[in-house]
Amino acid sequence: MKSFAGSNGNRPGVLMPGFPLVGSRYFQEVAPGVAQDRAEHLSNTHTIETPLRTFDNCLFVAETSPLIPGDVSFKAYAPGVGLVLDDILSLVDRGWRWPN
């Protein structure tokens, strides 16, 4: 049985604050015993090189969960683009071409 926000005591999480401050910490999911993902903003000036191109001023985020102690996932979000790095996966195409 699936458990959704608002059922079984689960609360919706915030995907990402509108103004990402370095050091910010928040829950992404609050479903006790099912999903309790947390995020911490490590940098908002990170440079990420992907097969598509290099992205500057990326938000670099560490994600953890008390359900999997010691496991850390790293993600990077580029301004105006979104997710460009998810651990070892990186952006290779946006589905459209950059204007000349």
PDB file of N, CA and C in Angstrom:
ATOM      1  N   MET A   1       0.834  -1.184   0.000  1.00  0.00           N
ATOM      2  CA  MET A   1       0.000   0.000   0.000  1.00  0.00           C
ATOM      3  C   MET A   1       0.877   1.244   0.000  1.00  0.00           C
ATOM      4  N   LYS A   2       0.601   2.155  -0.898  1.00  0.00           N
ATOM      5  CA  LYS A   2       1.364   3.402  -0.968  1.00  0.00           C
ATOM      6  C   LYS A   2       0.915   4.348   0.125  1.00  0.00           C
ATOM      7  N   SER A   3       1.858   5.143   0.578  1.00  0.00           N
ATOM      8  CA  SER A   3       1.584   6.114   1.623  1.00  0.00           C
ATOM      9  C   SER A   3       1.867   7.503   1.078  1.00  0.00           C
ATOM     10  N   PHE A   4       0.894   8.397   1.151  1.00  0.00           N
ATOM     11  CA  PHE A   4       1.025   9.724   0.577  1.00  0.00           C
ATOM     12  C   PHE A   4       1.018  10.795   1.657  1.00  0.00           C
ATOM     13  N   ALA A   5       1.492  11.982   1.303  1.00  0.00           N
ATOM     14  CA  ALA A   5       1.433  13.116   2.227  1.00  0.00           C
ATOM     15  C   ALA A   5      -0.022  13.314   2.642  1.00  0.00           C
ATOM     16  N   GLY A   6      -0.212  13.512   3.934  1.00  0.00           N
ATOM     17  CA  GLY A   6      -1.560  13.699   4.453  1.00  0.00           C
ATOM     18  C   GLY A   6      -2.193  12.411   4.953  1.00  0.00           C
ATOM     19  N   SER A   7      -1.569  11.262   4.674  1.00  0.00           N
ATOM     20  CA  SER A   7      -2.100   9.992   5.171  1.00  0.00           C
ATOM     21  C   SER A   7      -1.083   9.358   6.119  1.00  0.00           C
ATOM     22  N   ASN A   8      -1.563   8.608   7.068  1.00  0.00           N
ATOM     23  CA  ASN A   8      -0.709   7.884   8.017  1.00  0.00           C
ATOM     24  C   ASN A   8       0.295   8.779   8.740  1.00  0.00           C
ATOM     25  N   GLY A   9      -0.063  10.049   8.973  1.00  0.00           N
ATOM     26  CA  GLY A   9       0.834  10.967   9.680  1.00  0.00           C
ATOM     27  C   GLY A   9       1.943  11.545   8.827  1.00  0.00           C
ATOM     28  N   ASN A  10       1.951  11.270   7.524  1.00  0.00           N
ATOM     29  CA  ASN A  10       2.987  11.787   6.631  1.00  0.00           C
ATOM     30  C   ASN A  10       2.723  13.245   6.281  1.00  0.00           C
ATOM     31  N   ARG A  11       3.807  14.020   6.227  1.00  0.00           N
ATOM     32  CA  ARG A  11       3.704  15.428   5.870  1.00  0.00           C
ATOM     33  C   ARG A  11       4.446  15.665   4.564  1.00  0.00           C
ATOM     34  N   PRO A  12       3.980  16.607   3.739  1.00  0.00           N
ATOM     35  CA  PRO A  12       4.711  16.905   2.512  1.00  0.00           C
ATOM     36  C   PRO A  12       6.029  17.583   2.837  1.00  0.00           C
ATOM     37  N   GLY A  13       7.044  17.343   2.035  1.00  0.00           N
ATOM     38  CA  GLY A  13       8.348  17.982   2.210  1.00  0.00           C
ATOM     39  C   GLY A  13       8.518  19.127   1.238  1.00  0.00           C
ATOM     40  N   VAL A  14       9.523  19.918   1.497  1.00  0.00           N
ATOM     41  CA  VAL A  14       9.870  21.017   0.595  1.00  0.00           C
ATOM     42  C   VAL A  14      10.921  20.487  -0.361  1.00  0.00           C
ATOM     43  N   LEU A  15      10.690  20.627  -1.658  1.00  0.00           N
ATOM     44  CA  LEU A  15      11.678  20.137  -2.616  1.00  0.00           C
ATOM     45  C   LEU A  15      12.941  20.971  -2.524  1.00  0.00           C
ATOM     46  N   MET A  16      12.786  22.304  -2.585  1.00  0.00           N
ATOM     47  CA  MET A  16      13.939  23.183  -2.473  1.00  0.00           C
ATOM     48  C   MET A  16      13.463  24.587  -2.148  1.00  0.00           C
ATOM     49  N   PRO A  17      14.109  25.242  -1.192  1.00  0.00           N
ATOM     50  CA  PRO A  17      13.727  26.617  -0.880  1.00  0.00           C
ATOM     51  C   PRO A  17      13.941  27.542  -2.075  1.00  0.00           C
ATOM     52  N   GLY A  18      13.173  28.616  -2.119  1.00  0.00           N
ATOM     53  CA  GLY A  18      13.285  29.579  -3.217  1.00  0.00           C
ATOM     54  C   GLY A  18      14.573  30.361  -3.199  1.00  0.00           C
ATOM     55  N   PHE A  19      15.185  30.536  -2.039  1.00  0.00           N
ATOM     56  CA  PHE A  19      16.450  31.252  -1.922  1.00  0.00           C
ATOM     57  C   PHE A  19      17.446  30.312  -1.257  1.00  0.00           C
ATOM     58  N   PRO A  20      18.243  29.595  -2.046  1.00  0.00           N
ATOM     59  CA  PRO A  20      19.107  28.543  -1.502  1.00  0.00           C
ATOM     60  C   PRO A  20      20.354  29.093  -0.794  1.00  0.00           C
ATOM     61  N   LEU A  21      20.338  29.121   0.516  1.00  0.00           N
ATOM     62  CA  LEU A  21      21.474  29.588   1.297  1.00  0.00           C
ATOM     63  C   LEU A  21      22.417  28.428   1.607  1.00  0.00           C
ATOM     64  N   VAL A  22      23.714  28.674   1.520  1.00  0.00           N
ATOM     65  CA  VAL A  22      24.694  27.656   1.883  1.00  0.00           C
ATOM     66  C   VAL A  22      24.518  27.343   3.366  1.00  0.00           C
ATOM     67  N   GLY A  23      24.483  26.066   3.683  1.00  0.00           N
ATOM     68  CA  GLY A  23      24.268  25.627   5.055  1.00  0.00           C
ATOM     69  C   GLY A  23      22.816  25.313   5.371  1.00  0.00           C
ATOM     70  N   SER A  24      21.902  25.682   4.468  1.00  0.00           N
ATOM     71  CA  SER A  24      20.479  25.371   4.688  1.00  0.00           C
ATOM     72  C   SER A  24      20.284  23.867   4.754  1.00  0.00           C
ATOM     73  N   ARG A  25      19.413  23.437   5.655  1.00  0.00           N
ATOM     74  CA  ARG A  25      19.066  22.020   5.787  1.00  0.00           C
ATOM     75  C   ARG A  25      17.555  21.909   5.867  1.00  0.00           C
ATOM     76  N   TYR A  26      17.004  20.878   5.219  1.00  0.00           N
ATOM     77  CA  TYR A  26      15.561  20.694   5.229  1.00  0.00           C
ATOM     78  C   TYR A  26      15.229  19.260   4.853  1.00  0.00           C
ATOM     79  N   PHE A  27      14.017  18.862   5.201  1.00  0.00           N
ATOM     80  CA  PHE A  27      13.525  17.542   4.815  1.00  0.00           C
ATOM     81  C   PHE A  27      12.925  17.627   3.415  1.00  0.00           C
ATOM     82  N   GLN A  28      13.226  16.637   2.593  1.00  0.00           N
ATOM     83  CA  GLN A  28      12.616  16.543   1.268  1.00  0.00           C
ATOM     84  C   GLN A  28      11.393  15.628   1.305  1.00  0.00           C
ATOM     85  N   GLU A  29      11.415  14.691   2.226  1.00  0.00           N
ATOM     86  CA  GLU A  29      10.287  13.771   2.398  1.00  0.00           C
ATOM     87  C   GLU A  29      10.146  13.471   3.885  1.00  0.00           C
ATOM     88  N   VAL A  30       8.908  13.404   4.346  1.00  0.00           N
ATOM     89  CA  VAL A  30       8.663  13.042   5.740  1.00  0.00           C
ATOM     90  C   VAL A  30       7.576  11.969   5.759  1.00  0.00           C
ATOM     91  N   ALA A  31       8.008  10.727   5.630  1.00  0.00           N
ATOM     92  CA  ALA A  31       7.127   9.565   5.724  1.00  0.00           C
ATOM     93  C   ALA A  31       7.850   8.588   6.652  1.00  0.00           C
ATOM     94  N   PRO A  32       7.604   8.703   7.958  1.00  0.00           N
ATOM     95  CA  PRO A  32       8.349   7.917   8.941  1.00  0.00           C
ATOM     96  C   PRO A  32       8.450   6.434   8.585  1.00  0.00           C
ATOM     97  N   GLY A  33       9.708   5.962   8.577  1.00  0.00           N
ATOM     98  CA  GLY A  33       9.977   4.560   8.274  1.00  0.00           C
ATOM     99  C   GLY A  33       9.925   4.216   6.801  1.00  0.00           C
ATOM    100  N   VAL A  34       9.501   5.159   5.956  1.00  0.00           N
ATOM    101  CA  VAL A  34       9.379   4.904   4.517  1.00  0.00           C
ATOM    102  C   VAL A  34      10.361   5.771   3.729  1.00  0.00           C
ATOM    103  N   ALA A  35      10.293   7.072   3.927  1.00  0.00           N
ATOM    104  CA  ALA A  35      11.163   8.024   3.221  1.00  0.00           C
ATOM    105  C   ALA A  35      11.360   9.236   4.122  1.00  0.00           C
ATOM    106  N   GLN A  36      12.614   9.496   4.486  1.00  0.00           N
ATOM    107  CA  GLN A  36      12.925  10.622   5.348  1.00  0.00           C
ATOM    108  C   GLN A  36      14.156  11.355   4.811  1.00  0.00           C
ATOM    109  N   ASP A  37      14.130  11.674   3.534  1.00  0.00           N
ATOM    110  CA  ASP A  37      15.278  12.302   2.893  1.00  0.00           C
ATOM    111  C   ASP A  37      15.495  13.719   3.399  1.00  0.00           C
ATOM    112  N   ARG A  38      16.783  14.041   3.619  1.00  0.00           N
ATOM    113  CA  ARG A  38      17.173  15.367   4.078  1.00  0.00           C
ATOM    114  C   ARG A  38      18.196  15.936   3.095  1.00  0.00           C
ATOM    115  N   ALA A  39      18.227  17.251   2.976  1.00  0.00           N
ATOM    116  CA  ALA A  39      19.180  17.906   2.090  1.00  0.00           C
ATOM    117  C   ALA A  39      19.931  18.986   2.851  1.00  0.00           C
ATOM    118  N   GLU A  40      21.193  19.217   2.442  1.00  0.00           N
ATOM    119  CA  GLU A  40      21.987  20.312   2.974  1.00  0.00           C
ATOM    120  C   GLU A  40      22.701  20.996   1.810  1.00  0.00           C
ATOM    121  N   HIS A  41      22.577  22.306   1.729  1.00  0.00           N
ATOM    122  CA  HIS A  41      23.235  23.068   0.675  1.00  0.00           C
ATOM    123  C   HIS A  41      24.700  23.277   1.046  1.00  0.00           C
ATOM    124  N   LEU A  42      25.599  22.748   0.218  1.00  0.00           N
ATOM    125  CA  LEU A  42      27.029  22.830   0.485  1.00  0.00           C
ATOM    126  C   LEU A  42      27.685  24.024  -0.192  1.00  0.00           C
ATOM    127  N   SER A  43      27.196  24.413  -1.366  1.00  0.00           N
ATOM    128  CA  SER A  43      27.794  25.511  -2.132  1.00  0.00           C
ATOM    129  C   SER A  43      26.778  26.036  -3.131  1.00  0.00           C
ATOM    130  N   ASN A  44      26.853  27.323  -3.439  1.00  0.00           N
ATOM    131  CA  ASN A  44      26.034  27.851  -4.530  1.00  0.00           C
ATOM    132  C   ASN A  44      26.918  28.500  -5.594  1.00  0.00           C
ATOM    133  N   THR A  45      28.205  28.128  -5.582  1.00  0.00           N
ATOM    134  CA  THR A  45      29.154  28.637  -6.578  1.00  0.00           C
ATOM    135  C   THR A  45      29.937  27.496  -7.216  1.00  0.00           C
ATOM    136  N   HIS A  46      29.393  26.303  -7.144  1.00  0.00           N
ATOM    137  CA  HIS A  46      30.067  25.102  -7.639  1.00  0.00           C
ATOM    138  C   HIS A  46      30.084  25.098  -9.179  1.00  0.00           C
ATOM    139  N   THR A  47      31.183  24.647  -9.763  1.00  0.00           N
ATOM    140  CA  THR A  47      31.279  24.477 -11.218  1.00  0.00           C
ATOM    141  C   THR A  47      31.190  22.985 -11.522  1.00  0.00           C
ATOM    142  N   ILE A  48      30.293  22.641 -12.447  1.00  0.00           N
ATOM    143  CA  ILE A  48      30.074  21.247 -12.836  1.00  0.00           C
ATOM    144  C   ILE A  48      30.355  21.099 -14.321  1.00  0.00           C
ATOM    145  N   GLU A  49      31.215  20.145 -14.658  1.00  0.00           N
ATOM    146  CA  GLU A  49      31.479  19.824 -16.063  1.00  0.00           C
ATOM    147  C   GLU A  49      30.691  18.579 -16.427  1.00  0.00           C
ATOM    148  N   THR A  50      29.863  18.697 -17.468  1.00  0.00           N
ATOM    149  CA  THR A  50      29.080  17.561 -17.953  1.00  0.00           C
ATOM    150  C   THR A  50      29.441  17.323 -19.411  1.00  0.00           C
ATOM    151  N   PRO A  51      29.025  16.209 -19.983  1.00  0.00           N
ATOM    152  CA  PRO A  51      29.261  15.997 -21.411  1.00  0.00           C
ATOM    153  C   PRO A  51      28.617  17.085 -22.283  1.00  0.00           C
ATOM    154  N   LEU A  52      27.551  17.716 -21.776  1.00  0.00           N
ATOM    155  CA  LEU A  52      26.886  18.762 -22.543  1.00  0.00           C
ATOM    156  C   LEU A  52      27.692  20.046 -22.547  1.00  0.00           C
ATOM    157  N   ARG A  53      28.094  20.507 -21.347  1.00  0.00           N
ATOM    158  CA  ARG A  53      28.887  21.730 -21.211  1.00  0.00           C
ATOM    159  C   ARG A  53      29.245  21.928 -19.745  1.00  0.00           C
ATOM    160  N   THR A  54      29.945  23.009 -19.460  1.00  0.00           N
ATOM    161  CA  THR A  54      30.295  23.364 -18.088  1.00  0.00           C
ATOM    162  C   THR A  54      29.260  24.343 -17.549  1.00  0.00           C
ATOM    163  N   PHE A  55      28.818  24.103 -16.311  1.00  0.00           N
ATOM    164  CA  PHE A  55      27.830  24.966 -15.659  1.00  0.00           C
ATOM    165  C   PHE A  55      28.474  25.617 -14.448  1.00  0.00           C
ATOM    166  N   ASP A  56      28.352  26.937 -14.352  1.00  0.00           N
ATOM    167  CA  ASP A  56      28.907  27.693 -13.235  1.00  0.00           C
ATOM    168  C   ASP A  56      27.806  28.071 -12.246  1.00  0.00           C
ATOM    169  N   ASN A  57      28.217  28.425 -11.045  1.00  0.00           N
ATOM    170  CA  ASN A  57      27.313  28.885  -9.987  1.00  0.00           C
ATOM    171  C   ASN A  57      26.201  27.891  -9.676  1.00  0.00           C
ATOM    172  N   CYS A  58      26.563  26.610  -9.666  1.00  0.00           N
ATOM    173  CA  CYS A  58      25.585  25.565  -9.370  1.00  0.00           C
ATOM    174  C   CYS A  58      25.375  25.439  -7.868  1.00  0.00           C
ATOM    175  N   LEU A  59      24.180  25.053  -7.499  1.00  0.00           N
ATOM    176  CA  LEU A  59      23.863  24.709  -6.126  1.00  0.00           C
ATOM    177  C   LEU A  59      24.262  23.251  -5.930  1.00  0.00           C
ATOM    178  N   PHE A  60      25.165  22.997  -4.995  1.00  0.00           N
ATOM    179  CA  PHE A  60      25.664  21.655  -4.719  1.00  0.00           C
ATOM    180  C   PHE A  60      25.032  21.184  -3.411  1.00  0.00           C
ATOM    181  N   VAL A  61      24.354  20.031  -3.452  1.00  0.00           N
ATOM    182  CA  VAL A  61      23.529  19.563  -2.342  1.00  0.00           C
ATOM    183  C   VAL A  61      23.941  18.154  -1.922  1.00  0.00           C
ATOM    184  N   ALA A  62      24.021  17.931  -0.618  1.00  0.00           N
ATOM    185  CA  ALA A  62      24.224  16.580  -0.077  1.00  0.00           C
ATOM    186  C   ALA A  62      22.883  16.096   0.448  1.00  0.00           C
ATOM    187  N   GLU A  63      22.505  14.881   0.076  1.00  0.00           N
ATOM    188  CA  GLU A  63      21.247  14.299   0.537  1.00  0.00           C
ATOM    189  C   GLU A  63      21.536  13.066   1.377  1.00  0.00           C
ATOM    190  N   THR A  64      20.857  12.967   2.517  1.00  0.00           N
ATOM    191  CA  THR A  64      21.020  11.834   3.421  1.00  0.00           C
ATOM    192  C   THR A  64      19.649  11.377   3.899  1.00  0.00           C
ATOM    193  N   SER A  65      19.646  10.228   4.577  1.00  0.00           N
ATOM    194  CA  SER A  65      18.420   9.713   5.185  1.00  0.00           C
ATOM    195  C   SER A  65      18.798   8.930   6.432  1.00  0.00           C
ATOM    196  N   PRO A  66      18.090   9.148   7.531  1.00  0.00           N
ATOM    197  CA  PRO A  66      18.374   8.346   8.723  1.00  0.00           C
ATOM    198  C   PRO A  66      18.023   6.873   8.520  1.00  0.00           C
ATOM    199  N   LEU A  67      17.295   6.568   7.456  1.00  0.00           N
ATOM    200  CA  LEU A  67      16.943   5.176   7.165  1.00  0.00           C
ATOM    201  C   LEU A  67      18.121   4.411   6.568  1.00  0.00           C
ATOM    202  N   ILE A  68      19.114   5.150   6.018  1.00  0.00           N
ATOM    203  CA  ILE A  68      20.310   4.529   5.442  1.00  0.00           C
ATOM    204  C   ILE A  68      21.523   5.274   6.003  1.00  0.00           C
ATOM    205  N   PRO A  69      21.894   5.013   7.257  1.00  0.00           N
ATOM    206  CA  PRO A  69      23.001   5.733   7.885  1.00  0.00           C
ATOM    207  C   PRO A  69      24.302   5.616   7.092  1.00  0.00           C
ATOM    208  N   GLY A  70      25.004   6.738   6.975  1.00  0.00           N
ATOM    209  CA  GLY A  70      26.291   6.762   6.285  1.00  0.00           C
ATOM    210  C   GLY A  70      26.201   6.949   4.782  1.00  0.00           C
ATOM    211  N   ASP A  71      25.028   6.809   4.193  1.00  0.00           N
ATOM    212  CA  ASP A  71      24.863   6.974   2.749  1.00  0.00           C
ATOM    213  C   ASP A  71      24.640   8.450   2.434  1.00  0.00           C
ATOM    214  N   VAL A  72      25.422   8.987   1.494  1.00  0.00           N
ATOM    215  CA  VAL A  72      25.287  10.378   1.068  1.00  0.00           C
ATOM    216  C   VAL A  72      25.196  10.410  -0.446  1.00  0.00           C
ATOM    217  N   SER A  73      24.243  11.168  -0.950  1.00  0.00           N
ATOM    218  CA  SER A  73      24.065  11.359  -2.386  1.00  0.00           C
ATOM    219  C   SER A  73      24.324  12.837  -2.682  1.00  0.00           C
ATOM    220  N   PHE A  74      25.045  13.125  -3.768  1.00  0.00           N
ATOM    221  CA  PHE A  74      25.345  14.502  -4.126  1.00  0.00           C
ATOM    222  C   PHE A  74      24.620  14.883  -5.416  1.00  0.00           C
ATOM    223  N   LYS A  75      24.036  16.074  -5.399  1.00  0.00           N
ATOM    224  CA  LYS A  75      23.331  16.586  -6.578  1.00  0.00           C
ATOM    225  C   LYS A  75      23.767  18.018  -6.829  1.00  0.00           C
ATOM    226  N   ALA A  76      23.699  18.435  -8.099  1.00  0.00           N
ATOM    227  CA  ALA A  76      24.014  19.816  -8.460  1.00  0.00           C
ATOM    228  C   ALA A  76      22.922  20.347  -9.373  1.00  0.00           C
ATOM    229  N   TYR A  77      22.511  21.583  -9.104  1.00  0.00           N
ATOM    230  CA  TYR A  77      21.457  22.248  -9.862  1.00  0.00           C
ATOM    231  C   TYR A  77      22.030  23.519 -10.474  1.00  0.00           C
ATOM    232  N   ALA A  78      21.917  23.665 -11.796  1.00  0.00           N
ATOM    233  CA  ALA A  78      22.427  24.846 -12.494  1.00  0.00           C
ATOM    234  C   ALA A  78      21.322  25.887 -12.630  1.00  0.00           C
ATOM    235  N   PRO A  79      21.676  27.170 -12.454  1.00  0.00           N
ATOM    236  CA  PRO A  79      20.677  28.237 -12.602  1.00  0.00           C
ATOM    237  C   PRO A  79      20.040  28.203 -13.990  1.00  0.00           C
ATOM    238  N   GLY A  80      18.719  28.262 -14.025  1.00  0.00           N
ATOM    239  CA  GLY A  80      17.992  28.287 -15.294  1.00  0.00           C
ATOM    240  C   GLY A  80      17.915  26.951 -16.011  1.00  0.00           C
ATOM    241  N   VAL A  81      18.529  25.917 -15.438  1.00  0.00           N
ATOM    242  CA  VAL A  81      18.545  24.598 -16.079  1.00  0.00           C
ATOM    243  C   VAL A  81      17.895  23.556 -15.183  1.00  0.00           C
ATOM    244  N   GLY A  82      18.352  23.471 -13.940  1.00  0.00           N
ATOM    245  CA  GLY A  82      17.868  22.458 -13.019  1.00  0.00           C
ATOM    246  C   GLY A  82      18.935  21.430 -12.739  1.00  0.00           C
ATOM    247  N   LEU A  83      18.527  20.196 -12.492  1.00  0.00           N
ATOM    248  CA  LEU A  83      19.443  19.126 -12.117  1.00  0.00           C
ATOM    249  C   LEU A  83      20.418  18.816 -13.246  1.00  0.00           C
ATOM    250  N   VAL A  84      21.728  18.930 -12.961  1.00  0.00           N
ATOM    251  CA  VAL A  84      22.751  18.614 -13.964  1.00  0.00           C
ATOM    252  C   VAL A  84      23.676  17.493 -13.497  1.00  0.00           C
ATOM    253  N   LEU A  85      23.624  17.162 -12.196  1.00  0.00           N
ATOM    254  CA  LEU A  85      24.450  16.083 -11.656  1.00  0.00           C
ATOM    255  C   LEU A  85      23.676  15.371 -10.566  1.00  0.00           C
ATOM    256  N   ASP A  86      23.658  14.038 -10.645  1.00  0.00           N
ATOM    257  CA  ASP A  86      23.020  13.201  -9.621  1.00  0.00           C
ATOM    258  C   ASP A  86      23.987  12.061  -9.341  1.00  0.00           C
ATOM    259  N   ASP A  87      24.836  12.239  -8.331  1.00  0.00           N
ATOM    260  CA  ASP A  87      25.938  11.316  -8.030  1.00  0.00           C
ATOM    261  C   ASP A  87      26.831  11.162  -9.259  1.00  0.00           C
ATOM    262  N   ILE A  88      26.836  10.002  -9.905  1.00  0.00           N
ATOM    263  CA  ILE A  88      27.711   9.803 -11.062  1.00  0.00           C
ATOM    264  C   ILE A  88      27.010  10.095 -12.389  1.00  0.00           C
ATOM    265  N   LEU A  89      25.709  10.378 -12.363  1.00  0.00           N
ATOM    266  CA  LEU A  89      24.964  10.694 -13.578  1.00  0.00           C
ATOM    267  C   LEU A  89      25.050  12.190 -13.843  1.00  0.00           C
ATOM    268  N   SER A  90      25.276  12.568 -15.103  1.00  0.00           N
ATOM    269  CA  SER A  90      25.327  13.989 -15.434  1.00  0.00           C
ATOM    270  C   SER A  90      24.582  14.262 -16.732  1.00  0.00           C
ATOM    271  N   LEU A  91      24.255  15.511 -16.917  1.00  0.00           N
ATOM    272  CA  LEU A  91      23.466  15.947 -18.065  1.00  0.00           C
ATOM    273  C   LEU A  91      24.252  15.781 -19.359  1.00  0.00           C
ATOM    274  N   VAL A  92      23.624  15.151 -20.364  1.00  0.00           N
ATOM    275  CA  VAL A  92      24.263  14.986 -21.662  1.00  0.00           C
ATOM    276  C   VAL A  92      23.500  15.709 -22.769  1.00  0.00           C
ATOM    277  N   ASP A  93      22.218  16.006 -22.547  1.00  0.00           N
ATOM    278  CA  ASP A  93      21.410  16.659 -23.569  1.00  0.00           C
ATOM    279  C   ASP A  93      20.209  17.303 -22.903  1.00  0.00           C
ATOM    280  N   ARG A  94      19.782  18.434 -23.430  1.00  0.00           N
ATOM    281  CA  ARG A  94      18.603  19.101 -22.885  1.00  0.00           C
ATOM    282  C   ARG A  94      17.370  18.865 -23.742  1.00  0.00           C
ATOM    283  N   GLY A  95      17.537  18.163 -24.839  1.00  0.00           N
ATOM    284  CA  GLY A  95      16.383  17.896 -25.705  1.00  0.00           C
ATOM    285  C   GLY A  95      16.159  18.989 -26.743  1.00  0.00           C
ATOM    286  N   TRP A  96      16.943  20.047 -26.672  1.00  0.00           N
ATOM    287  CA  TRP A  96      16.889  21.110 -27.663  1.00  0.00           C
ATOM    288  C   TRP A  96      18.270  21.709 -27.785  1.00  0.00           C
ATOM    289  N   ARG A  97      18.501  22.482 -28.797  1.00  0.00           N
ATOM    290  CA  ARG A  97      19.828  23.034 -29.054  1.00  0.00           C
ATOM    291  C   ARG A  97      19.927  24.466 -28.588  1.00  0.00           C
ATOM    292  N   TRP A  98      21.112  24.840 -28.091  1.00  0.00           N
ATOM    293  CA  TRP A  98      21.369  26.210 -27.668  1.00  0.00           C
ATOM    294  C   TRP A  98      21.312  27.140 -28.876  1.00  0.00           C
ATOM    295  N   PRO A  99      20.745  28.327 -28.728  1.00  0.00           N
ATOM    296  CA  PRO A  99      20.741  29.280 -29.843  1.00  0.00           C
ATOM    297  C   PRO A  99      22.147  29.696 -30.205  1.00  0.00           C
ATOM    298  N   ASN A 100      22.357  29.978 -31.478  1.00  0.00           N
ATOM    299  CA  ASN A 100      23.695  30.428 -31.936  1.00  0.00           C
ATOM    300  C   ASN A 100      23.960  31.849 -31.540  1.00  0.00           C
TER     301      ASN A 100
END
